[in-house]
Amino acid sequence: MNSKVTATRISLIGMLLLAGSAMGASAPQWTEHETEVIESCSEISQLRNPKPVGKVIEFDERAGVSAVVITGLYPQTHPRSQRGQVLCLFNRLTRTPFIADAEELMGKIR
């Protein structure tokens, strides 16, 4: 077999493999991921009645995280029923959520 033909075939196969991986996850996989992020972040927040604020934000693979703001009620009895919000970063590789207080991130909650 001609080495030029072999090189062309190898290049074509490589391009097809790269094109397939660039397509990324399917819509159901993204929906499943978003559900996992919201559930994990809601649980770790320890807020009562946690809800996401907006949509899950996907950072590129260099950062490897998804982010979402979760709002709800603080679990403490004092101050009673005070609303709170946390920023959650979800590590896609380890599937681990990390939270930080986000009261001032987007202004005061009303």
PDB file of N, CA and C in Angstrom:
ATOM      1  N   MET A   1       0.836  -1.176   0.000  1.00  0.00           N
ATOM      2  CA  MET A   1       0.000   0.000   0.000  1.00  0.00           C
ATOM      3  C   MET A   1       0.883   1.243   0.000  1.00  0.00           C
ATOM      4  N   ASN A   2       0.472   2.213  -0.712  1.00  0.00           N
ATOM      5  CA  ASN A   2       1.196   3.465  -0.857  1.00  0.00           C
ATOM      6  C   ASN A   2       1.202   4.224   0.475  1.00  0.00           C
ATOM      7  N   SER A   3       2.366   4.723   0.867  1.00  0.00           N
ATOM      8  CA  SER A   3       2.473   5.441   2.151  1.00  0.00           C
ATOM      9  C   SER A   3       1.665   6.736   2.143  1.00  0.00           C
ATOM     10  N   LYS A   4       1.503   7.342   0.968  1.00  0.00           N
ATOM     11  CA  LYS A   4       0.705   8.566   0.866  1.00  0.00           C
ATOM     12  C   LYS A   4      -0.768   8.265   1.136  1.00  0.00           C
ATOM     13  N   VAL A   5      -1.260   7.154   0.635  1.00  0.00           N
ATOM     14  CA  VAL A   5      -2.647   6.750   0.855  1.00  0.00           C
ATOM     15  C   VAL A   5      -2.854   6.410   2.332  1.00  0.00           C
ATOM     16  N   THR A   6      -1.893   5.717   2.933  1.00  0.00           N
ATOM     17  CA  THR A   6      -1.978   5.351   4.344  1.00  0.00           C
ATOM     18  C   THR A   6      -2.007   6.609   5.220  1.00  0.00           C
ATOM     19  N   ALA A   7      -1.163   7.568   4.935  1.00  0.00           N
ATOM     20  CA  ALA A   7      -1.130   8.822   5.696  1.00  0.00           C
ATOM     21  C   ALA A   7      -2.454   9.564   5.560  1.00  0.00           C
ATOM     22  N   THR A   8      -3.024   9.562   4.362  1.00  0.00           N
ATOM     23  CA  THR A   8      -4.308  10.223   4.131  1.00  0.00           C
ATOM     24  C   THR A   8      -5.402   9.543   4.933  1.00  0.00           C
ATOM     25  N   ARG A   9      -5.403   8.222   4.954  1.00  0.00           N
ATOM     26  CA  ARG A   9      -6.417   7.473   5.710  1.00  0.00           C
ATOM     27  C   ARG A   9      -6.274   7.752   7.219  1.00  0.00           C
ATOM     28  N   ILE A  10      -5.049   7.753   7.700  1.00  0.00           N
ATOM     29  CA  ILE A  10      -4.820   8.016   9.122  1.00  0.00           C
ATOM     30  C   ILE A  10      -5.288   9.434   9.473  1.00  0.00           C
ATOM     31  N   SER A  11      -4.990  10.398   8.616  1.00  0.00           N
ATOM     32  CA  SER A  11      -5.422  11.781   8.842  1.00  0.00           C
ATOM     33  C   SER A  11      -6.943  11.872   8.858  1.00  0.00           C
ATOM     34  N   LEU A  12      -7.598  11.177   7.927  1.00  0.00           N
ATOM     35  CA  LEU A  12      -9.057  11.199   7.842  1.00  0.00           C
ATOM     36  C   LEU A  12      -9.676  10.581   9.094  1.00  0.00           C
ATOM     37  N   ILE A  13      -9.137   9.469   9.540  1.00  0.00           N
ATOM     38  CA  ILE A  13      -9.641   8.815  10.750  1.00  0.00           C
ATOM     39  C   ILE A  13      -9.463   9.742  11.958  1.00  0.00           C
ATOM     40  N   GLY A  14      -8.310  10.388  12.058  1.00  0.00           N
ATOM     41  CA  GLY A  14      -8.061  11.324  13.153  1.00  0.00           C
ATOM     42  C   GLY A  14      -9.040  12.479  13.149  1.00  0.00           C
ATOM     43  N   MET A  15      -9.325  13.031  11.983  1.00  0.00           N
ATOM     44  CA  MET A  15     -10.268  14.145  11.886  1.00  0.00           C
ATOM     45  C   MET A  15     -11.668  13.702  12.282  1.00  0.00           C
ATOM     46  N   LEU A  16     -12.074  12.505  11.877  1.00  0.00           N
ATOM     47  CA  LEU A  16     -13.395  12.001  12.243  1.00  0.00           C
ATOM     48  C   LEU A  16     -13.511  11.803  13.753  1.00  0.00           C
ATOM     49  N   LEU A  17     -12.458  11.271  14.362  1.00  0.00           N
ATOM     50  CA  LEU A  17     -12.475  11.082  15.810  1.00  0.00           C
ATOM     51  C   LEU A  17     -12.562  12.417  16.537  1.00  0.00           C
ATOM     52  N   LEU A  18     -11.800  13.398  16.078  1.00  0.00           N
ATOM     53  CA  LEU A  18     -11.854  14.721  16.701  1.00  0.00           C
ATOM     54  C   LEU A  18     -13.206  15.377  16.503  1.00  0.00           C
ATOM     55  N   ALA A  19     -13.784  15.220  15.340  1.00  0.00           N
ATOM     56  CA  ALA A  19     -15.096  15.811  15.076  1.00  0.00           C
ATOM     57  C   ALA A  19     -16.144  15.193  15.981  1.00  0.00           C
ATOM     58  N   GLY A  20     -16.058  13.893  16.206  1.00  0.00           N
ATOM     59  CA  GLY A  20     -17.013  13.223  17.081  1.00  0.00           C
ATOM     60  C   GLY A  20     -16.899  13.693  18.515  1.00  0.00           C
ATOM     61  N   SER A  21     -15.678  13.870  19.005  1.00  0.00           N
ATOM     62  CA  SER A  21     -15.513  14.320  20.389  1.00  0.00           C
ATOM     63  C   SER A  21     -15.871  15.791  20.548  1.00  0.00           C
ATOM     64  N   ALA A  22     -15.737  16.572  19.504  1.00  0.00           N
ATOM     65  CA  ALA A  22     -16.075  17.993  19.579  1.00  0.00           C
ATOM     66  C   ALA A  22     -17.576  18.204  19.655  1.00  0.00           C
ATOM     67  N   MET A  23     -18.335  17.197  19.222  1.00  0.00           N
ATOM     68  CA  MET A  23     -19.784  17.324  19.257  1.00  0.00           C
ATOM     69  C   MET A  23     -20.280  17.401  20.701  1.00  0.00           C
ATOM     70  N   GLY A  24     -19.571  16.763  21.620  1.00  0.00           N
ATOM     71  CA  GLY A  24     -19.923  16.840  23.029  1.00  0.00           C
ATOM     72  C   GLY A  24     -21.060  15.916  23.395  1.00  0.00           C
ATOM     73  N   ALA A  25     -21.649  16.200  24.543  1.00  0.00           N
ATOM     74  CA  ALA A  25     -22.716  15.369  25.082  1.00  0.00           C
ATOM     75  C   ALA A  25     -24.035  15.654  24.383  1.00  0.00           C
ATOM     76  N   SER A  26     -24.908  14.665  24.436  1.00  0.00           N
ATOM     77  CA  SER A  26     -26.239  14.822  23.848  1.00  0.00           C
ATOM     78  C   SER A  26     -27.119  15.651  24.789  1.00  0.00           C
ATOM     79  N   ALA A  27     -28.253  16.095  24.275  1.00  0.00           N
ATOM     80  CA  ALA A  27     -29.185  16.900  25.074  1.00  0.00           C
ATOM     81  C   ALA A  27     -29.627  16.172  26.350  1.00  0.00           C
ATOM     82  N   PRO A  28     -29.977  14.864  26.277  1.00  0.00           N
ATOM     83  CA  PRO A  28     -30.347  14.175  27.521  1.00  0.00           C
ATOM     84  C   PRO A  28     -29.199  14.109  28.533  1.00  0.00           C
ATOM     85  N   GLN A  29     -27.959  13.974  28.041  1.00  0.00           N
ATOM     86  CA  GLN A  29     -26.811  13.940  28.952  1.00  0.00           C
ATOM     87  C   GLN A  29     -26.628  15.289  29.643  1.00  0.00           C
ATOM     88  N   TRP A  30     -26.826  16.398  28.922  1.00  0.00           N
ATOM     89  CA  TRP A  30     -26.705  17.726  29.534  1.00  0.00           C
ATOM     90  C   TRP A  30     -27.815  17.936  30.555  1.00  0.00           C
ATOM     91  N   THR A  31     -29.035  17.465  30.246  1.00  0.00           N
ATOM     92  CA  THR A  31     -30.148  17.585  31.188  1.00  0.00           C
ATOM     93  C   THR A  31     -29.856  16.799  32.457  1.00  0.00           C
ATOM     94  N   GLU A  32     -29.326  15.593  32.306  1.00  0.00           N
ATOM     95  CA  GLU A  32     -28.948  14.765  33.451  1.00  0.00           C
ATOM     96  C   GLU A  32     -27.853  15.447  34.281  1.00  0.00           C
ATOM     97  N   HIS A  33     -26.880  16.024  33.594  1.00  0.00           N
ATOM     98  CA  HIS A  33     -25.788  16.735  34.286  1.00  0.00           C
ATOM     99  C   HIS A  33     -26.344  17.927  35.066  1.00  0.00           C
ATOM    100  N   GLU A  34     -27.195  18.717  34.419  1.00  0.00           N
ATOM    101  CA  GLU A  34     -27.756  19.894  35.079  1.00  0.00           C
ATOM    102  C   GLU A  34     -28.558  19.490  36.320  1.00  0.00           C
ATOM    103  N   THR A  35     -29.318  18.410  36.219  1.00  0.00           N
ATOM    104  CA  THR A  35     -30.081  17.906  37.363  1.00  0.00           C
ATOM    105  C   THR A  35     -29.148  17.497  38.497  1.00  0.00           C
ATOM    106  N   GLU A  36     -28.055  16.805  38.156  1.00  0.00           N
ATOM    107  CA  GLU A  36     -27.078  16.387  39.170  1.00  0.00           C
ATOM    108  C   GLU A  36     -26.450  17.599  39.858  1.00  0.00           C
ATOM    109  N   VAL A  37     -26.096  18.615  39.083  1.00  0.00           N
ATOM    110  CA  VAL A  37     -25.486  19.832  39.648  1.00  0.00           C
ATOM    111  C   VAL A  37     -26.452  20.501  40.619  1.00  0.00           C
ATOM    112  N   ILE A  38     -27.694  20.693  40.195  1.00  0.00           N
ATOM    113  CA  ILE A  38     -28.679  21.382  41.038  1.00  0.00           C
ATOM    114  C   ILE A  38     -28.967  20.583  42.301  1.00  0.00           C
ATOM    115  N   GLU A  39     -29.133  19.269  42.172  1.00  0.00           N
ATOM    116  CA  GLU A  39     -29.416  18.443  43.350  1.00  0.00           C
ATOM    117  C   GLU A  39     -28.230  18.422  44.319  1.00  0.00           C
ATOM    118  N   SER A  40     -27.018  18.247  43.798  1.00  0.00           N
ATOM    119  CA  SER A  40     -25.825  18.220  44.657  1.00  0.00           C
ATOM    120  C   SER A  40     -25.620  19.552  45.364  1.00  0.00           C
ATOM    121  N   CYS A  41     -25.774  20.635  44.617  1.00  0.00           N
ATOM    122  CA  CYS A  41     -25.565  21.966  45.187  1.00  0.00           C
ATOM    123  C   CYS A  41     -26.662  22.321  46.191  1.00  0.00           C
ATOM    124  N   SER A  42     -27.884  21.922  45.907  1.00  0.00           N
ATOM    125  CA  SER A  42     -28.990  22.183  46.831  1.00  0.00           C
ATOM    126  C   SER A  42     -28.769  21.456  48.144  1.00  0.00           C
ATOM    127  N   GLU A  43     -28.316  20.202  48.061  1.00  0.00           N
ATOM    128  CA  GLU A  43     -28.081  19.405  49.264  1.00  0.00           C
ATOM    129  C   GLU A  43     -26.967  19.992  50.123  1.00  0.00           C
ATOM    130  N   ILE A  44     -25.849  20.344  49.514  1.00  0.00           N
ATOM    131  CA  ILE A  44     -24.707  20.856  50.284  1.00  0.00           C
ATOM    132  C   ILE A  44     -24.966  22.268  50.829  1.00  0.00           C
ATOM    133  N   SER A  45     -25.893  22.996  50.222  1.00  0.00           N
ATOM    134  CA  SER A  45     -26.181  24.363  50.673  1.00  0.00           C
ATOM    135  C   SER A  45     -26.787  24.400  52.069  1.00  0.00           C
ATOM    136  N   GLN A  46     -27.482  23.348  52.473  1.00  0.00           N
ATOM    137  CA  GLN A  46     -28.192  23.245  53.749  1.00  0.00           C
ATOM    138  C   GLN A  46     -29.287  24.292  53.907  1.00  0.00           C
ATOM    139  N   LEU A  47     -29.679  24.938  52.804  1.00  0.00           N
ATOM    140  CA  LEU A  47     -30.796  25.877  52.848  1.00  0.00           C
ATOM    141  C   LEU A  47     -32.105  25.092  52.766  1.00  0.00           C
ATOM    142  N   ARG A  48     -33.144  25.615  53.426  1.00  0.00           N
ATOM    143  CA  ARG A  48     -34.467  25.008  53.303  1.00  0.00           C
ATOM    144  C   ARG A  48     -35.108  25.502  52.012  1.00  0.00           C
ATOM    145  N   ASN A  49     -35.846  24.641  51.348  1.00  0.00           N
ATOM    146  CA  ASN A  49     -36.520  24.960  50.089  1.00  0.00           C
ATOM    147  C   ASN A  49     -35.550  25.552  49.057  1.00  0.00           C
ATOM    148  N   PRO A  50     -34.421  24.876  48.820  1.00  0.00           N
ATOM    149  CA  PRO A  50     -33.433  25.426  47.869  1.00  0.00           C
ATOM    150  C   PRO A  50     -33.940  25.410  46.432  1.00  0.00           C
ATOM    151  N   LYS A  51     -33.618  26.467  45.719  1.00  0.00           N
ATOM    152  CA  LYS A  51     -33.997  26.599  44.309  1.00  0.00           C
ATOM    153  C   LYS A  51     -32.837  27.253  43.564  1.00  0.00           C
ATOM    154  N   PRO A  52     -32.586  26.830  42.320  1.00  0.00           N
ATOM    155  CA  PRO A  52     -31.546  27.502  41.538  1.00  0.00           C
ATOM    156  C   PRO A  52     -32.023  28.879  41.088  1.00  0.00           C
ATOM    157  N   VAL A  53     -31.093  29.812  41.030  1.00  0.00           N
ATOM    158  CA  VAL A  53     -31.373  31.139  40.495  1.00  0.00           C
ATOM    159  C   VAL A  53     -30.820  31.135  39.075  1.00  0.00           C
ATOM    160  N   GLY A  54     -31.667  31.129  38.096  1.00  0.00           N
ATOM    161  CA  GLY A  54     -31.215  31.064  36.706  1.00  0.00           C
ATOM    162  C   GLY A  54     -30.777  29.665  36.323  1.00  0.00           C
ATOM    163  N   LYS A  55     -29.945  29.597  35.317  1.00  0.00           N
ATOM    164  CA  LYS A  55     -29.494  28.317  34.776  1.00  0.00           C
ATOM    165  C   LYS A  55     -28.091  27.979  35.261  1.00  0.00           C
ATOM    166  N   VAL A  56     -27.743  26.708  35.094  1.00  0.00           N
ATOM    167  CA  VAL A  56     -26.383  26.254  35.391  1.00  0.00           C
ATOM    168  C   VAL A  56     -25.462  26.833  34.315  1.00  0.00           C
ATOM    169  N   ILE A  57     -24.346  27.398  34.742  1.00  0.00           N
ATOM    170  CA  ILE A  57     -23.358  27.976  33.835  1.00  0.00           C
ATOM    171  C   ILE A  57     -22.217  26.976  33.667  1.00  0.00           C
ATOM    172  N   GLU A  58     -21.889  26.668  32.425  1.00  0.00           N
ATOM    173  CA  GLU A  58     -20.822  25.707  32.133  1.00  0.00           C
ATOM    174  C   GLU A  58     -19.539  26.443  31.756  1.00  0.00           C
ATOM    175  N   PHE A  59     -18.500  26.267  32.551  1.00  0.00           N
ATOM    176  CA  PHE A  59     -17.182  26.789  32.197  1.00  0.00           C
ATOM    177  C   PHE A  59     -16.524  25.791  31.251  1.00  0.00           C
ATOM    178  N   ASP A  60     -15.554  26.240  30.475  1.00  0.00           N
ATOM    179  CA  ASP A  60     -14.902  25.327  29.532  1.00  0.00           C
ATOM    180  C   ASP A  60     -14.053  24.304  30.273  1.00  0.00           C
ATOM    181  N   GLU A  61     -13.497  23.379  29.534  1.00  0.00           N
ATOM    182  CA  GLU A  61     -12.758  22.262  30.127  1.00  0.00           C
ATOM    183  C   GLU A  61     -11.487  22.677  30.871  1.00  0.00           C
ATOM    184  N   ARG A  62     -10.945  23.856  30.569  1.00  0.00           N
ATOM    185  CA  ARG A  62      -9.767  24.310  31.315  1.00  0.00           C
ATOM    186  C   ARG A  62     -10.107  24.504  32.780  1.00  0.00           C
ATOM    187  N   ALA A  63     -11.285  25.028  33.064  1.00  0.00           N
ATOM    188  CA  ALA A  63     -11.727  25.210  34.453  1.00  0.00           C
ATOM    189  C   ALA A  63     -12.367  23.923  34.973  1.00  0.00           C
ATOM    190  N   GLY A  64     -13.142  23.266  34.136  1.00  0.00           N
ATOM    191  CA  GLY A  64     -13.750  21.991  34.512  1.00  0.00           C
ATOM    192  C   GLY A  64     -14.850  22.079  35.549  1.00  0.00           C
ATOM    193  N   VAL A  65     -15.507  23.227  35.646  1.00  0.00           N
ATOM    194  CA  VAL A  65     -16.570  23.380  36.631  1.00  0.00           C
ATOM    195  C   VAL A  65     -17.854  23.884  35.991  1.00  0.00           C
ATOM    196  N   SER A  66     -18.953  23.605  36.679  1.00  0.00           N
ATOM    197  CA  SER A  66     -20.254  24.183  36.378  1.00  0.00           C
ATOM    198  C   SER A  66     -20.612  25.034  37.586  1.00  0.00           C
ATOM    199  N   ALA A  67     -21.333  26.126  37.376  1.00  0.00           N
ATOM    200  CA  ALA A  67     -21.676  27.028  38.477  1.00  0.00           C
ATOM    201  C   ALA A  67     -23.169  27.299  38.490  1.00  0.00           C
ATOM    202  N   VAL A  68     -23.703  27.448  39.702  1.00  0.00           N
ATOM    203  CA  VAL A  68     -25.110  27.818  39.863  1.00  0.00           C
ATOM    204  C   VAL A  68     -25.259  28.528  41.208  1.00  0.00           C
ATOM    205  N   VAL A  69     -26.171  29.480  41.253  1.00  0.00           N
ATOM    206  CA  VAL A  69     -26.507  30.148  42.510  1.00  0.00           C
ATOM    207  C   VAL A  69     -27.771  29.472  43.041  1.00  0.00           C
ATOM    208  N   ILE A  70     -27.735  29.099  44.313  1.00  0.00           N
ATOM    209  CA  ILE A  70     -28.870  28.459  44.974  1.00  0.00           C
ATOM    210  C   ILE A  70     -29.404  29.425  46.022  1.00  0.00           C
ATOM    211  N   THR A  71     -30.715  29.589  46.070  1.00  0.00           N
ATOM    212  CA  THR A  71     -31.347  30.436  47.071  1.00  0.00           C
ATOM    213  C   THR A  71     -32.324  29.605  47.893  1.00  0.00           C
ATOM    214  N   GLY A  72     -32.542  30.023  49.122  1.00  0.00           N
ATOM    215  CA  GLY A  72     -33.464  29.319  50.005  1.00  0.00           C
ATOM    216  C   GLY A  72     -33.515  30.017  51.345  1.00  0.00           C
ATOM    217  N   LEU A  73     -34.003  29.298  52.344  1.00  0.00           N
ATOM    218  CA  LEU A  73     -34.131  29.854  53.688  1.00  0.00           C
ATOM    219  C   LEU A  73     -33.050  29.271  54.583  1.00  0.00           C
ATOM    220  N   TYR A  74     -32.415  30.138  55.388  1.00  0.00           N
ATOM    221  CA  TYR A  74     -31.409  29.650  56.324  1.00  0.00           C
ATOM    222  C   TYR A  74     -32.066  28.697  57.317  1.00  0.00           C
ATOM    223  N   PRO A  75     -31.359  27.645  57.724  1.00  0.00           N
ATOM    224  CA  PRO A  75     -31.953  26.658  58.635  1.00  0.00           C
ATOM    225  C   PRO A  75     -32.035  27.120  60.092  1.00  0.00           C
ATOM    226  N   GLN A  76     -31.296  28.156  60.470  1.00  0.00           N
ATOM    227  CA  GLN A  76     -31.301  28.614  61.851  1.00  0.00           C
ATOM    228  C   GLN A  76     -32.680  29.180  62.229  1.00  0.00           C
ATOM    229  N   THR A  77     -32.978  29.082  63.521  1.00  0.00           N
ATOM    230  CA  THR A  77     -34.259  29.625  63.980  1.00  0.00           C
ATOM    231  C   THR A  77     -34.208  31.148  64.132  1.00  0.00           C
ATOM    232  N   HIS A  78     -32.988  31.709  64.300  1.00  0.00           N
ATOM    233  CA  HIS A  78     -32.835  33.172  64.383  1.00  0.00           C
ATOM    234  C   HIS A  78     -31.853  33.608  63.334  1.00  0.00           C
ATOM    235  N   PRO A  79     -32.064  34.537  62.470  1.00  0.00           N
ATOM    236  CA  PRO A  79     -33.334  35.188  62.226  1.00  0.00           C
ATOM    237  C   PRO A  79     -34.293  34.250  61.486  1.00  0.00           C
ATOM    238  N   ARG A  80     -35.500  34.289  61.879  1.00  0.00           N
ATOM    239  CA  ARG A  80     -36.514  33.370  61.376  1.00  0.00           C
ATOM    240  C   ARG A  80     -36.797  33.604  59.886  1.00  0.00           C
ATOM    241  N   SER A  81     -36.724  32.536  59.114  1.00  0.00           N
ATOM    242  CA  SER A  81     -37.072  32.538  57.684  1.00  0.00           C
ATOM    243  C   SER A  81     -36.307  33.559  56.855  1.00  0.00           C
ATOM    244  N   GLN A  82     -35.069  33.850  57.217  1.00  0.00           N
ATOM    245  CA  GLN A  82     -34.278  34.782  56.420  1.00  0.00           C
ATOM    246  C   GLN A  82     -33.786  34.066  55.172  1.00  0.00           C
ATOM    247  N   ARG A  83     -33.914  34.732  54.040  1.00  0.00           N
ATOM    248  CA  ARG A  83     -33.476  34.159  52.775  1.00  0.00           C
ATOM    249  C   ARG A  83     -31.955  34.261  52.662  1.00  0.00           C
ATOM    250  N   GLY A  84     -31.383  33.293  51.989  1.00  0.00           N
ATOM    251  CA  GLY A  84     -29.947  33.296  51.768  1.00  0.00           C
ATOM    252  C   GLY A  84     -29.637  32.748  50.387  1.00  0.00           C
ATOM    253  N   GLN A  85     -28.424  32.968  49.934  1.00  0.00           N
ATOM    254  CA  GLN A  85     -28.009  32.409  48.652  1.00  0.00           C
ATOM    255  C   GLN A  85     -26.539  32.036  48.707  1.00  0.00           C
ATOM    256  N   VAL A  86     -26.220  30.969  47.976  1.00  0.00           N
ATOM    257  CA  VAL A  86     -24.849  30.483  47.905  1.00  0.00           C
ATOM    258  C   VAL A  86     -24.471  30.294  46.444  1.00  0.00           C
ATOM    259  N   LEU A  87     -23.196  30.466  46.177  1.00  0.00           N
ATOM    260  CA  LEU A  87     -22.649  30.156  44.866  1.00  0.00           C
ATOM    261  C   LEU A  87     -22.078  28.751  44.965  1.00  0.00           C
ATOM    262  N   CYS A  88     -22.441  27.903  44.027  1.00  0.00           N
ATOM    263  CA  CYS A  88     -21.948  26.532  44.030  1.00  0.00           C
ATOM    264  C   CYS A  88     -21.128  26.290  42.768  1.00  0.00           C
ATOM    265  N   LEU A  89     -19.912  25.795  42.952  1.00  0.00           N
ATOM    266  CA  LEU A  89     -19.068  25.351  41.848  1.00  0.00           C
ATOM    267  C   LEU A  89     -19.021  23.829  41.908  1.00  0.00           C
ATOM    268  N   PHE A  90     -19.393  23.187  40.810  1.00  0.00           N
ATOM    269  CA  PHE A  90     -19.462  21.731  40.729  1.00  0.00           C
ATOM    270  C   PHE A  90     -18.314  21.245  39.851  1.00  0.00           C
ATOM    271  N   ASN A  91     -17.375  20.500  40.454  1.00  0.00           N
ATOM    272  CA  ASN A  91     -16.238  19.956  39.713  1.00  0.00           C
ATOM    273  C   ASN A  91     -16.733  18.785  38.871  1.00  0.00           C
ATOM    274  N   ARG A  92     -16.679  18.927  37.552  1.00  0.00           N
ATOM    275  CA  ARG A  92     -17.209  17.885  36.667  1.00  0.00           C
ATOM    276  C   ARG A  92     -16.369  16.619  36.681  1.00  0.00           C
ATOM    277  N   LEU A  93     -15.085  16.729  36.958  1.00  0.00           N
ATOM    278  CA  LEU A  93     -14.219  15.551  36.977  1.00  0.00           C
ATOM    279  C   LEU A  93     -14.472  14.695  38.219  1.00  0.00           C
ATOM    280  N   THR A  94     -14.495  15.333  39.380  1.00  0.00           N
ATOM    281  CA  THR A  94     -14.688  14.597  40.637  1.00  0.00           C
ATOM    282  C   THR A  94     -16.151  14.513  41.055  1.00  0.00           C
ATOM    283  N   ARG A  95     -17.018  15.287  40.378  1.00  0.00           N
ATOM    284  CA  ARG A  95     -18.448  15.346  40.671  1.00  0.00           C
ATOM    285  C   ARG A  95     -18.693  15.817  42.118  1.00  0.00           C
ATOM    286  N   THR A  96     -17.911  16.822  42.511  1.00  0.00           N
ATOM    287  CA  THR A  96     -17.969  17.341  43.870  1.00  0.00           C
ATOM    288  C   THR A  96     -18.430  18.798  43.851  1.00  0.00           C
ATOM    289  N   PRO A  97     -19.454  19.145  44.666  1.00  0.00           N
ATOM    290  CA  PRO A  97     -19.874  20.540  44.762  1.00  0.00           C
ATOM    291  C   PRO A  97     -19.123  21.275  45.867  1.00  0.00           C
ATOM    292  N   PHE A  98     -18.850  22.552  45.646  1.00  0.00           N
ATOM    293  CA  PHE A  98     -18.227  23.429  46.634  1.00  0.00           C
ATOM    294  C   PHE A  98     -19.080  24.688  46.711  1.00  0.00           C
ATOM    295  N   ILE A  99     -19.353  25.174  47.913  1.00  0.00           N
ATOM    296  CA  ILE A  99     -20.197  26.358  48.038  1.00  0.00           C
ATOM    297  C   ILE A  99     -19.497  27.476  48.794  1.00  0.00           C
ATOM    298  N   ALA A 100     -19.976  28.682  48.533  1.00  0.00           N
ATOM    299  CA  ALA A 100     -19.535  29.870  49.266  1.00  0.00           C
ATOM    300  C   ALA A 100     -20.736  30.795  49.389  1.00  0.00           C
ATOM    301  N   ASP A 101     -20.791  31.539  50.478  1.00  0.00           N
ATOM    302  CA  ASP A 101     -21.862  32.496  50.684  1.00  0.00           C
ATOM    303  C   ASP A 101     -21.877  33.489  49.523  1.00  0.00           C
ATOM    304  N   ALA A 102     -23.045  33.783  49.023  1.00  0.00           N
ATOM    305  CA  ALA A 102     -23.150  34.683  47.862  1.00  0.00           C
ATOM    306  C   ALA A 102     -24.182  35.776  48.090  1.00  0.00           C
ATOM    307  N   GLU A 103     -24.311  36.204  49.339  1.00  0.00           N
ATOM    308  CA  GLU A 103     -25.294  37.237  49.658  1.00  0.00           C
ATOM    309  C   GLU A 103     -25.087  38.511  48.842  1.00  0.00           C
ATOM    310  N   GLU A 104     -23.845  38.884  48.613  1.00  0.00           N
ATOM    311  CA  GLU A 104     -23.549  40.137  47.935  1.00  0.00           C
ATOM    312  C   GLU A 104     -23.200  39.960  46.455  1.00  0.00           C
ATOM    313  N   LEU A 105     -23.231  38.727  45.992  1.00  0.00           N
ATOM    314  CA  LEU A 105     -22.848  38.449  44.617  1.00  0.00           C
ATOM    315  C   LEU A 105     -23.733  39.183  43.621  1.00  0.00           C
ATOM    316  N   MET A 106     -25.029  39.151  43.845  1.00  0.00           N
ATOM    317  CA  MET A 106     -25.966  39.771  42.914  1.00  0.00           C
ATOM    318  C   MET A 106     -26.854  40.791  43.609  1.00  0.00           C
ATOM    319  N   GLY A 107     -26.378  41.334  44.700  1.00  0.00           N
ATOM    320  CA  GLY A 107     -27.165  42.295  45.460  1.00  0.00           C
ATOM    321  C   GLY A 107     -28.024  41.589  46.491  1.00  0.00           C
ATOM    322  N   LYS A 108     -28.669  42.348  47.318  1.00  0.00           N
ATOM    323  CA  LYS A 108     -29.500  41.805  48.394  1.00  0.00           C
ATOM    324  C   LYS A 108     -30.746  41.122  47.826  1.00  0.00           C
ATOM    325  N   ILE A 109     -31.141  40.038  48.494  1.00  0.00           N
ATOM    326  CA  ILE A 109     -32.371  39.331  48.142  1.00  0.00           C
ATOM    327  C   ILE A 109     -33.533  40.037  48.815  1.00  0.00           C
ATOM    328  N   ARG A 110     -34.572  40.188  48.079  1.00  0.00           N
ATOM    329  CA  ARG A 110     -35.763  40.827  48.662  1.00  0.00           C
ATOM    330  C   ARG A 110     -36.753  39.786  49.104  1.00  0.00           C
TER     331      ARG A 110
END
